[in-house]
């Protein structure tokens, strides 16, 4: 699982970022460049070291017996799709980076666009399946860890901290889409908030005992509150079918999306901050 997780972290974001870079100036991904673009940004290179490391580690993991079903097959499919799309990305990246399109009037760019589109369409479902499978196994292991923690040390600050993270991860998976059923995630946010409230008296006990580690837990709970608020804003936005204002729409899909209440961008920003606080514990 470590090999699979490291591979996903090393490659997946880079591939999606590169395609996003490409589609920021190629307005019709299916048809490709027209040759009349006013700006040409190219793509981002997928570093060969990352691809090679991914291949070596996954190949070694696949050789381990007994097989981990269905994870091994999903990982093998992901690797094959990632290698193919990475090769197409790097081929075009060099072409645009060297500005060769100025010599052939975008001929190679137009020719290879269909190959890039086909490779990316094969990669996308493989990426989603790989991500979901990793999350499923990771969640199962984390839940087992939480259960063990409760047996060994009771409902401690460590217990509540991990419980908060698992709740937040589950909530995120439910409400990142454009539309979703709102009743269950709203109930999960309430459960998360209950964990926050139950953890507060334990922090006060640490303060009285002059245990300075309370500050890290206090920071985590503050951020958990912020995350819960962002999650509720997201759920209410969808539940109430509240449209985005003209000003809000201008920030959607940009680096300013985190400022829009009820947006996926704000939800992800608050979640990432929560993960950062948890990792610092």
C-alpha atoms as a PDB file:
ATOM      1  CA  UNK A   1       0.000   0.000   0.000  1.00  0.00           C
ATOM      2  CA  UNK A   2       2.885   2.379   0.702  1.00  0.00           C
ATOM      3  CA  UNK A   3       4.133   1.871  -2.861  1.00  0.00           C
ATOM      4  CA  UNK A   4       0.677   2.571  -4.265  1.00  0.00           C
ATOM      5  CA  UNK A   5       0.135   5.671  -2.149  1.00  0.00           C
ATOM      6  CA  UNK A   6       3.596   7.082  -2.957  1.00  0.00           C
ATOM      7  CA  UNK A   7       3.028   6.485  -6.671  1.00  0.00           C
ATOM      8  CA  UNK A   8      -0.336   8.223  -6.611  1.00  0.00           C
ATOM      9  CA  UNK A   9       1.082  11.207  -4.713  1.00  0.00           C
ATOM     10  CA  UNK A  10       4.080  11.469  -7.044  1.00  0.00           C
ATOM     11  CA  UNK A  11       2.246  11.278 -10.358  1.00  0.00           C
ATOM     12  CA  UNK A  12      -1.442  12.030 -10.162  1.00  0.00           C
ATOM     13  CA  UNK A  13      -1.360  15.711  -9.256  1.00  0.00           C
ATOM     14  CA  UNK A  14       1.401  16.399 -11.791  1.00  0.00           C
ATOM     15  CA  UNK A  15      -0.571  14.805 -14.622  1.00  0.00           C
ATOM     16  CA  UNK A  16      -3.773  16.693 -13.796  1.00  0.00           C
ATOM     17  CA  UNK A  17      -1.858  19.968 -13.377  1.00  0.00           C
ATOM     18  CA  UNK A  18      -0.225  19.500 -16.767  1.00  0.00           C
ATOM     19  CA  UNK A  19      -3.562  18.913 -18.496  1.00  0.00           C
ATOM     20  CA  UNK A  20      -5.041  21.930 -16.705  1.00  0.00           C
ATOM     21  CA  UNK A  21      -2.137  24.018 -18.000  1.00  0.00           C
ATOM     22  CA  UNK A  22      -2.807  22.781 -21.536  1.00  0.00           C
ATOM     23  CA  UNK A  23      -6.553  23.420 -21.425  1.00  0.00           C
ATOM     24  CA  UNK A  24      -5.982  26.917 -20.037  1.00  0.00           C
ATOM     25  CA  UNK A  25      -4.953  28.018 -23.554  1.00  0.00           C
ATOM     26  CA  UNK A  26      -6.303  25.213 -25.777  1.00  0.00           C
ATOM     27  CA  UNK A  27      -9.968  26.092 -25.398  1.00  0.00           C
ATOM     28  CA  UNK A  28     -11.341  22.929 -27.034  1.00  0.00           C
ATOM     29  CA  UNK A  29      -9.490  19.936 -25.614  1.00  0.00           C
ATOM     30  CA  UNK A  30     -11.145  17.487 -28.011  1.00  0.00           C
ATOM     31  CA  UNK A  31     -10.257  19.461 -31.144  1.00  0.00           C
ATOM     32  CA  UNK A  32      -6.872  20.767 -29.994  1.00  0.00           C
ATOM     33  CA  UNK A  33      -5.075  23.994 -30.916  1.00  0.00           C
ATOM     34  CA  UNK A  34      -6.335  26.039 -33.826  1.00  0.00           C
ATOM     35  CA  UNK A  35      -2.976  27.626 -34.542  1.00  0.00           C
ATOM     36  CA  UNK A  36      -4.455  31.066 -33.922  1.00  0.00           C
ATOM     37  CA  UNK A  37      -3.988  31.121 -30.126  1.00  0.00           C
ATOM     38  CA  UNK A  38      -2.789  34.495 -28.818  1.00  0.00           C
ATOM     39  CA  UNK A  39      -0.835  32.805 -26.008  1.00  0.00           C
ATOM     40  CA  UNK A  40       0.794  29.360 -25.949  1.00  0.00           C
ATOM     41  CA  UNK A  41       1.647  28.063 -22.474  1.00  0.00           C
ATOM     42  CA  UNK A  42       2.425  24.478 -23.416  1.00  0.00           C
ATOM     43  CA  UNK A  43       2.218  21.854 -20.659  1.00  0.00           C
ATOM     44  CA  UNK A  44       4.118  20.885 -17.521  1.00  0.00           C
ATOM     45  CA  UNK A  45       6.731  18.150 -17.795  1.00  0.00           C
ATOM     46  CA  UNK A  46       6.127  14.867 -15.968  1.00  0.00           C
ATOM     47  CA  UNK A  47       9.543  14.061 -14.518  1.00  0.00           C
ATOM     48  CA  UNK A  48      10.921  10.720 -15.632  1.00  0.00           C
ATOM     49  CA  UNK A  49      12.332  10.038 -12.165  1.00  0.00           C
ATOM     50  CA  UNK A  50       8.796  10.038 -10.744  1.00  0.00           C
ATOM     51  CA  UNK A  51       7.531   7.726 -13.474  1.00  0.00           C
ATOM     52  CA  UNK A  52      10.476   5.313 -13.113  1.00  0.00           C
ATOM     53  CA  UNK A  53      10.197   5.236  -9.332  1.00  0.00           C
ATOM     54  CA  UNK A  54       6.476   4.590  -9.612  1.00  0.00           C
ATOM     55  CA  UNK A  55       7.031   1.738 -12.068  1.00  0.00           C
ATOM     56  CA  UNK A  56       9.758   0.082  -9.987  1.00  0.00           C
ATOM     57  CA  UNK A  57       7.823   0.303  -6.718  1.00  0.00           C
ATOM     58  CA  UNK A  58       4.505  -0.872  -8.138  1.00  0.00           C
ATOM     59  CA  UNK A  59       6.191  -3.735 -10.011  1.00  0.00           C
ATOM     60  CA  UNK A  60       7.796  -4.848  -6.738  1.00  0.00           C
ATOM     61  CA  UNK A  61       4.479  -4.539  -4.878  1.00  0.00           C
ATOM     62  CA  UNK A  62       2.641  -6.562  -7.530  1.00  0.00           C
ATOM     63  CA  UNK A  63       5.133  -9.406  -7.048  1.00  0.00           C
ATOM     64  CA  UNK A  64       4.212  -9.794  -3.364  1.00  0.00           C
ATOM     65  CA  UNK A  65       2.119 -12.857  -2.605  1.00  0.00           C
ATOM     66  CA  UNK A  66      -0.665 -13.389  -1.770  1.00  0.00           C
ATOM     67  CA  UNK A  67      -2.242 -10.878  -4.136  1.00  0.00           C
ATOM     68  CA  UNK A  68      -4.093  -7.906  -2.717  1.00  0.00           C
ATOM     69  CA  UNK A  69      -7.372  -8.079  -4.603  1.00  0.00           C
ATOM     70  CA  UNK A  70      -8.697  -6.011  -6.289  1.00  0.00           C
ATOM     71  CA  UNK A  71      -6.069  -3.413  -5.399  1.00  0.00           C
ATOM     72  CA  UNK A  72      -3.209  -4.976  -7.377  1.00  0.00           C
ATOM     73  CA  UNK A  73      -5.130  -5.014 -10.646  1.00  0.00           C
ATOM     74  CA  UNK A  74      -6.319  -1.432 -10.116  1.00  0.00           C
ATOM     75  CA  UNK A  75      -2.725  -0.322  -9.410  1.00  0.00           C
ATOM     76  CA  UNK A  76      -1.407  -2.091 -12.531  1.00  0.00           C
ATOM     77  CA  UNK A  77      -4.074  -0.400 -14.683  1.00  0.00           C
ATOM     78  CA  UNK A  78      -3.225   2.966 -13.153  1.00  0.00           C
ATOM     79  CA  UNK A  79       0.501   2.555 -13.831  1.00  0.00           C
ATOM     80  CA  UNK A  80      -0.087   1.636 -17.479  1.00  0.00           C
ATOM     81  CA  UNK A  81      -2.442   4.585 -18.025  1.00  0.00           C
ATOM     82  CA  UNK A  82      -0.133   7.005 -16.183  1.00  0.00           C
ATOM     83  CA  UNK A  83       2.897   5.938 -18.245  1.00  0.00           C
ATOM     84  CA  UNK A  84       0.995   6.377 -21.513  1.00  0.00           C
ATOM     85  CA  UNK A  85      -0.410   9.825 -20.745  1.00  0.00           C
ATOM     86  CA  UNK A  86       2.919  10.986 -19.261  1.00  0.00           C
ATOM     87  CA  UNK A  87       4.715  10.046 -22.489  1.00  0.00           C
ATOM     88  CA  UNK A  88       2.186  12.008 -24.555  1.00  0.00           C
ATOM     89  CA  UNK A  89       2.426  15.001 -22.214  1.00  0.00           C
ATOM     90  CA  UNK A  90       6.230  15.065 -22.354  1.00  0.00           C
ATOM     91  CA  UNK A  91       6.261  14.701 -26.140  1.00  0.00           C
ATOM     92  CA  UNK A  92       4.066  17.778 -26.509  1.00  0.00           C
ATOM     93  CA  UNK A  93       5.760  19.622 -23.660  1.00  0.00           C
ATOM     94  CA  UNK A  94       9.099  19.542 -25.460  1.00  0.00           C
ATOM     95  CA  UNK A  95       7.435  20.581 -28.719  1.00  0.00           C
ATOM     96  CA  UNK A  96       5.892  23.672 -27.132  1.00  0.00           C
ATOM     97  CA  UNK A  97       8.823  24.403 -24.824  1.00  0.00           C
ATOM     98  CA  UNK A  98      11.170  24.505 -27.837  1.00  0.00           C
ATOM     99  CA  UNK A  99       8.587  26.635 -29.709  1.00  0.00           C
ATOM    100  CA  UNK A 100       8.682  24.220 -32.651  1.00  0.00           C
ATOM    101  CA  UNK A 101       5.064  25.149 -33.392  1.00  0.00           C
ATOM    102  CA  UNK A 102       6.444  28.346 -34.898  1.00  0.00           C
ATOM    103  CA  UNK A 103       8.188  26.272 -37.587  1.00  0.00           C
ATOM    104  CA  UNK A 104       5.399  23.854 -38.589  1.00  0.00           C
ATOM    105  CA  UNK A 105       2.329  26.048 -37.967  1.00  0.00           C
ATOM    106  CA  UNK A 106       1.136  23.781 -35.126  1.00  0.00           C
ATOM    107  CA  UNK A 107       1.086  20.682 -37.369  1.00  0.00           C
ATOM    108  CA  UNK A 108       2.596  18.332 -34.760  1.00  0.00           C
ATOM    109  CA  UNK A 109       0.543  19.936 -32.006  1.00  0.00           C
ATOM    110  CA  UNK A 110      -2.667  19.249 -33.905  1.00  0.00           C
ATOM    111  CA  UNK A 111      -1.580  15.711 -34.836  1.00  0.00           C
ATOM    112  CA  UNK A 112      -0.645  14.706 -31.279  1.00  0.00           C
ATOM    113  CA  UNK A 113      -3.639  16.326 -29.590  1.00  0.00           C
ATOM    114  CA  UNK A 114      -5.865  13.332 -30.412  1.00  0.00           C
ATOM    115  CA  UNK A 115      -3.272  10.978 -28.875  1.00  0.00           C
ATOM    116  CA  UNK A 116      -3.144  13.121 -25.743  1.00  0.00           C
ATOM    117  CA  UNK A 117      -6.932  13.216 -25.455  1.00  0.00           C
ATOM    118  CA  UNK A 118      -7.200   9.432 -25.869  1.00  0.00           C
ATOM    119  CA  UNK A 119      -4.476   8.817 -23.282  1.00  0.00           C
ATOM    120  CA  UNK A 120      -6.057  11.200 -20.791  1.00  0.00           C
ATOM    121  CA  UNK A 121      -9.528   9.701 -21.259  1.00  0.00           C
ATOM    122  CA  UNK A 122      -8.047   6.292 -20.399  1.00  0.00           C
ATOM    123  CA  UNK A 123      -6.143   7.761 -17.454  1.00  0.00           C
ATOM    124  CA  UNK A 124      -9.060   9.573 -15.809  1.00  0.00           C
ATOM    125  CA  UNK A 125     -11.148   6.513 -14.826  1.00  0.00           C
ATOM    126  CA  UNK A 126      -7.978   4.639 -13.817  1.00  0.00           C
ATOM    127  CA  UNK A 127      -7.003   7.580 -11.613  1.00  0.00           C
ATOM    128  CA  UNK A 128     -10.422   7.753  -9.990  1.00  0.00           C
ATOM    129  CA  UNK A 129     -10.522   3.997  -9.329  1.00  0.00           C
ATOM    130  CA  UNK A 130      -7.002   4.067  -7.863  1.00  0.00           C
ATOM    131  CA  UNK A 131      -7.796   7.039  -5.619  1.00  0.00           C
ATOM    132  CA  UNK A 132     -11.049   5.533  -4.370  1.00  0.00           C
ATOM    133  CA  UNK A 133      -9.446   2.155  -3.662  1.00  0.00           C
ATOM    134  CA  UNK A 134      -6.559   3.717  -1.742  1.00  0.00           C
ATOM    135  CA  UNK A 135      -9.011   5.791   0.300  1.00  0.00           C
ATOM    136  CA  UNK A 136     -11.201   2.764   1.042  1.00  0.00           C
ATOM    137  CA  UNK A 137      -8.326   0.649   2.354  1.00  0.00           C
ATOM    138  CA  UNK A 138      -6.801   3.586   4.212  1.00  0.00           C
ATOM    139  CA  UNK A 139     -10.151   4.364   5.876  1.00  0.00           C
ATOM    140  CA  UNK A 140     -10.559   0.743   6.959  1.00  0.00           C
ATOM    141  CA  UNK A 141      -7.089   0.732   8.501  1.00  0.00           C
ATOM    142  CA  UNK A 142      -7.619   4.074  10.202  1.00  0.00           C
ATOM    143  CA  UNK A 143     -10.924   2.910  11.642  1.00  0.00           C
ATOM    144  CA  UNK A 144      -9.204  -0.216  13.001  1.00  0.00           C
ATOM    145  CA  UNK A 145      -6.554   2.050  14.524  1.00  0.00           C
ATOM    146  CA  UNK A 146      -9.268   4.223  16.095  1.00  0.00           C
ATOM    147  CA  UNK A 147     -10.989   1.181  17.597  1.00  0.00           C
ATOM    148  CA  UNK A 148      -7.693  -0.074  19.013  1.00  0.00           C
ATOM    149  CA  UNK A 149      -6.929   3.370  20.416  1.00  0.00           C
ATOM    150  CA  UNK A 150     -10.279   3.471  22.228  1.00  0.00           C
ATOM    151  CA  UNK A 151      -9.632   0.065  23.805  1.00  0.00           C
ATOM    152  CA  UNK A 152      -6.099   0.923  24.918  1.00  0.00           C
ATOM    153  CA  UNK A 153      -6.424   4.528  26.089  1.00  0.00           C
ATOM    154  CA  UNK A 154     -10.132   5.355  26.055  1.00  0.00           C
ATOM    155  CA  UNK A 155     -11.591   8.438  24.409  1.00  0.00           C
ATOM    156  CA  UNK A 156      -8.425  10.493  24.709  1.00  0.00           C
ATOM    157  CA  UNK A 157      -7.358  13.575  22.768  1.00  0.00           C
ATOM    158  CA  UNK A 158      -5.560  11.271  20.340  1.00  0.00           C
ATOM    159  CA  UNK A 159      -8.793   9.338  19.877  1.00  0.00           C
ATOM    160  CA  UNK A 160     -10.885  12.451  19.228  1.00  0.00           C
ATOM    161  CA  UNK A 161      -8.251  13.942  16.907  1.00  0.00           C
ATOM    162  CA  UNK A 162      -8.180  10.876  14.674  1.00  0.00           C
ATOM    163  CA  UNK A 163     -11.984  10.604  14.825  1.00  0.00           C
ATOM    164  CA  UNK A 164     -12.307  14.207  13.666  1.00  0.00           C
ATOM    165  CA  UNK A 165      -9.980  13.540  10.739  1.00  0.00           C
ATOM    166  CA  UNK A 166     -11.876  10.432   9.663  1.00  0.00           C
ATOM    167  CA  UNK A 167     -15.189  12.298   9.856  1.00  0.00           C
ATOM    168  CA  UNK A 168     -13.796  15.193   7.804  1.00  0.00           C
ATOM    169  CA  UNK A 169     -12.416  12.815   5.183  1.00  0.00           C
ATOM    170  CA  UNK A 170     -15.784  11.072   4.861  1.00  0.00           C
ATOM    171  CA  UNK A 171     -17.662  14.367   4.653  1.00  0.00           C
ATOM    172  CA  UNK A 172     -15.330  15.659   1.947  1.00  0.00           C
ATOM    173  CA  UNK A 173     -15.945  12.574  -0.160  1.00  0.00           C
ATOM    174  CA  UNK A 174     -19.681  13.259   0.002  1.00  0.00           C
ATOM    175  CA  UNK A 175     -19.857  16.968  -0.730  1.00  0.00           C
ATOM    176  CA  UNK A 176     -17.148  17.761  -3.277  1.00  0.00           C
ATOM    177  CA  UNK A 177     -19.465  16.932  -6.184  1.00  0.00           C
ATOM    178  CA  UNK A 178     -21.730  19.492  -7.853  1.00  0.00           C
ATOM    179  CA  UNK A 179     -24.846  17.827  -6.436  1.00  0.00           C
ATOM    180  CA  UNK A 180     -25.414  15.345  -3.614  1.00  0.00           C
ATOM    181  CA  UNK A 181     -27.913  14.248  -0.976  1.00  0.00           C
ATOM    182  CA  UNK A 182     -27.495  16.660   1.930  1.00  0.00           C
ATOM    183  CA  UNK A 183     -29.109  14.928   4.906  1.00  0.00           C
ATOM    184  CA  UNK A 184     -26.377  12.377   5.683  1.00  0.00           C
ATOM    185  CA  UNK A 185     -23.356  14.709   5.374  1.00  0.00           C
ATOM    186  CA  UNK A 186     -25.111  17.302   7.541  1.00  0.00           C
ATOM    187  CA  UNK A 187     -25.607  14.620  10.204  1.00  0.00           C
ATOM    188  CA  UNK A 188     -21.918  13.703   9.943  1.00  0.00           C
ATOM    189  CA  UNK A 189     -20.922  17.332  10.466  1.00  0.00           C
ATOM    190  CA  UNK A 190     -22.967  17.268  13.681  1.00  0.00           C
ATOM    191  CA  UNK A 191     -21.063  14.153  14.775  1.00  0.00           C
ATOM    192  CA  UNK A 192     -17.767  15.893  14.029  1.00  0.00           C
ATOM    193  CA  UNK A 193     -18.857  18.902  16.093  1.00  0.00           C
ATOM    194  CA  UNK A 194     -19.783  16.582  18.993  1.00  0.00           C
ATOM    195  CA  UNK A 195     -16.242  15.172  18.931  1.00  0.00           C
ATOM    196  CA  UNK A 196     -14.866  18.717  19.049  1.00  0.00           C
ATOM    197  CA  UNK A 197     -16.989  19.568  22.091  1.00  0.00           C
ATOM    198  CA  UNK A 198     -16.095  16.307  23.846  1.00  0.00           C
ATOM    199  CA  UNK A 199     -12.383  17.000  23.332  1.00  0.00           C
ATOM    200  CA  UNK A 200     -12.435  20.507  24.814  1.00  0.00           C
ATOM    201  CA  UNK A 201     -12.574  19.436  28.508  1.00  0.00           C
ATOM    202  CA  UNK A 202      -9.544  17.190  27.916  1.00  0.00           C
ATOM    203  CA  UNK A 203      -7.581  20.202  26.697  1.00  0.00           C
ATOM    204  CA  UNK A 204      -8.536  22.088  29.865  1.00  0.00           C
ATOM    205  CA  UNK A 205      -7.179  19.159  31.897  1.00  0.00           C
ATOM    206  CA  UNK A 206      -3.870  19.413  30.048  1.00  0.00           C
ATOM    207  CA  UNK A 207      -3.733  23.149  30.708  1.00  0.00           C
ATOM    208  CA  UNK A 208      -4.213  22.582  34.443  1.00  0.00           C
ATOM    209  CA  UNK A 209      -1.442  19.978  34.392  1.00  0.00           C
ATOM    210  CA  UNK A 210       0.853  22.443  32.570  1.00  0.00           C
ATOM    211  CA  UNK A 211       1.163  20.013  29.672  1.00  0.00           C
ATOM    212  CA  UNK A 212       2.177  22.305  26.824  1.00  0.00           C
ATOM    213  CA  UNK A 213       1.078  19.841  24.147  1.00  0.00           C
ATOM    214  CA  UNK A 214      -2.437  21.215  24.660  1.00  0.00           C
ATOM    215  CA  UNK A 215      -1.603  24.058  22.260  1.00  0.00           C
ATOM    216  CA  UNK A 216      -1.322  21.700  19.269  1.00  0.00           C
ATOM    217  CA  UNK A 217      -4.646  20.054  20.096  1.00  0.00           C
ATOM    218  CA  UNK A 218      -6.254  23.460  20.642  1.00  0.00           C
ATOM    219  CA  UNK A 219      -5.076  24.554  17.200  1.00  0.00           C
ATOM    220  CA  UNK A 220      -6.529  21.392  15.685  1.00  0.00           C
ATOM    221  CA  UNK A 221      -9.926  21.979  17.300  1.00  0.00           C
ATOM    222  CA  UNK A 222     -10.013  25.600  16.099  1.00  0.00           C
ATOM    223  CA  UNK A 223      -9.343  24.445  12.559  1.00  0.00           C
ATOM    224  CA  UNK A 224     -11.887  21.635  12.921  1.00  0.00           C
ATOM    225  CA  UNK A 225     -14.469  24.313  13.797  1.00  0.00           C
ATOM    226  CA  UNK A 226     -13.511  26.267  10.673  1.00  0.00           C
ATOM    227  CA  UNK A 227     -13.765  23.135   8.569  1.00  0.00           C
ATOM    228  CA  UNK A 228     -17.187  22.256  10.009  1.00  0.00           C
ATOM    229  CA  UNK A 229     -18.427  25.753   9.166  1.00  0.00           C
ATOM    230  CA  UNK A 230     -17.139  25.483   5.576  1.00  0.00           C
ATOM    231  CA  UNK A 231     -18.752  22.048   5.222  1.00  0.00           C
ATOM    232  CA  UNK A 232     -22.106  23.372   6.429  1.00  0.00           C
ATOM    233  CA  UNK A 233     -21.869  26.305   4.036  1.00  0.00           C
ATOM    234  CA  UNK A 234     -21.231  23.869   1.188  1.00  0.00           C
ATOM    235  CA  UNK A 235     -24.139  21.607   2.188  1.00  0.00           C
ATOM    236  CA  UNK A 236     -26.552  24.526   2.605  1.00  0.00           C
ATOM    237  CA  UNK A 237     -25.531  25.982  -0.759  1.00  0.00           C
ATOM    238  CA  UNK A 238     -26.498  22.731  -2.473  1.00  0.00           C
ATOM    239  CA  UNK A 239     -29.530  21.960  -0.266  1.00  0.00           C
ATOM    240  CA  UNK A 240     -31.055  25.410  -0.727  1.00  0.00           C
ATOM    241  CA  UNK A 241     -30.036  25.600  -4.410  1.00  0.00           C
ATOM    242  CA  UNK A 242     -28.462  28.975  -3.698  1.00  0.00           C
ATOM    243  CA  UNK A 243     -26.883  30.341  -6.904  1.00  0.00           C
ATOM    244  CA  UNK A 244     -23.503  32.034  -6.916  1.00  0.00           C
ATOM    245  CA  UNK A 245     -23.539  35.798  -7.347  1.00  0.00           C
ATOM    246  CA  UNK A 246     -21.806  37.455 -10.273  1.00  0.00           C
ATOM    247  CA  UNK A 247     -18.879  38.399  -8.035  1.00  0.00           C
ATOM    248  CA  UNK A 248     -18.617  34.871  -6.637  1.00  0.00           C
ATOM    249  CA  UNK A 249     -18.631  33.359 -10.111  1.00  0.00           C
ATOM    250  CA  UNK A 250     -15.577  35.435 -10.987  1.00  0.00           C
ATOM    251  CA  UNK A 251     -13.619  33.665  -8.237  1.00  0.00           C
ATOM    252  CA  UNK A 252     -14.806  30.122  -8.988  1.00  0.00           C
ATOM    253  CA  UNK A 253     -12.086  28.051 -10.625  1.00  0.00           C
ATOM    254  CA  UNK A 254      -9.400  30.568  -9.628  1.00  0.00           C
ATOM    255  CA  UNK A 255      -6.987  30.928  -6.715  1.00  0.00           C
ATOM    256  CA  UNK A 256      -9.629  33.126  -5.060  1.00  0.00           C
ATOM    257  CA  UNK A 257     -12.270  30.382  -4.841  1.00  0.00           C
ATOM    258  CA  UNK A 258     -11.459  29.824  -1.160  1.00  0.00           C
ATOM    259  CA  UNK A 259     -13.160  33.168  -0.450  1.00  0.00           C
ATOM    260  CA  UNK A 260     -16.531  31.954  -1.795  1.00  0.00           C
ATOM    261  CA  UNK A 261     -18.802  30.516   0.910  1.00  0.00           C
ATOM    262  CA  UNK A 262     -20.203  27.138  -0.060  1.00  0.00           C
ATOM    263  CA  UNK A 263     -17.603  26.512  -2.764  1.00  0.00           C
ATOM    264  CA  UNK A 264     -15.516  23.371  -3.174  1.00  0.00           C
ATOM    265  CA  UNK A 265     -12.405  25.568  -3.150  1.00  0.00           C
ATOM    266  CA  UNK A 266     -13.120  26.874   0.342  1.00  0.00           C
ATOM    267  CA  UNK A 267     -13.986  23.383   1.584  1.00  0.00           C
ATOM    268  CA  UNK A 268     -10.689  21.976   0.301  1.00  0.00           C
ATOM    269  CA  UNK A 269      -8.662  24.861   1.733  1.00  0.00           C
ATOM    270  CA  UNK A 270     -10.157  24.347   5.201  1.00  0.00           C
ATOM    271  CA  UNK A 271      -9.695  20.578   4.950  1.00  0.00           C
ATOM    272  CA  UNK A 272      -6.045  20.893   3.893  1.00  0.00           C
ATOM    273  CA  UNK A 273      -5.401  23.223   6.833  1.00  0.00           C
ATOM    274  CA  UNK A 274      -7.001  20.648   9.135  1.00  0.00           C
ATOM    275  CA  UNK A 275      -4.743  17.925   7.724  1.00  0.00           C
ATOM    276  CA  UNK A 276      -1.734  20.175   8.307  1.00  0.00           C
ATOM    277  CA  UNK A 277      -2.670  20.735  11.942  1.00  0.00           C
ATOM    278  CA  UNK A 278      -3.212  16.999  12.475  1.00  0.00           C
ATOM    279  CA  UNK A 279       0.146  16.136  10.907  1.00  0.00           C
ATOM    280  CA  UNK A 280       1.857  18.551  13.304  1.00  0.00           C
ATOM    281  CA  UNK A 281       0.471  16.805  16.382  1.00  0.00           C
END
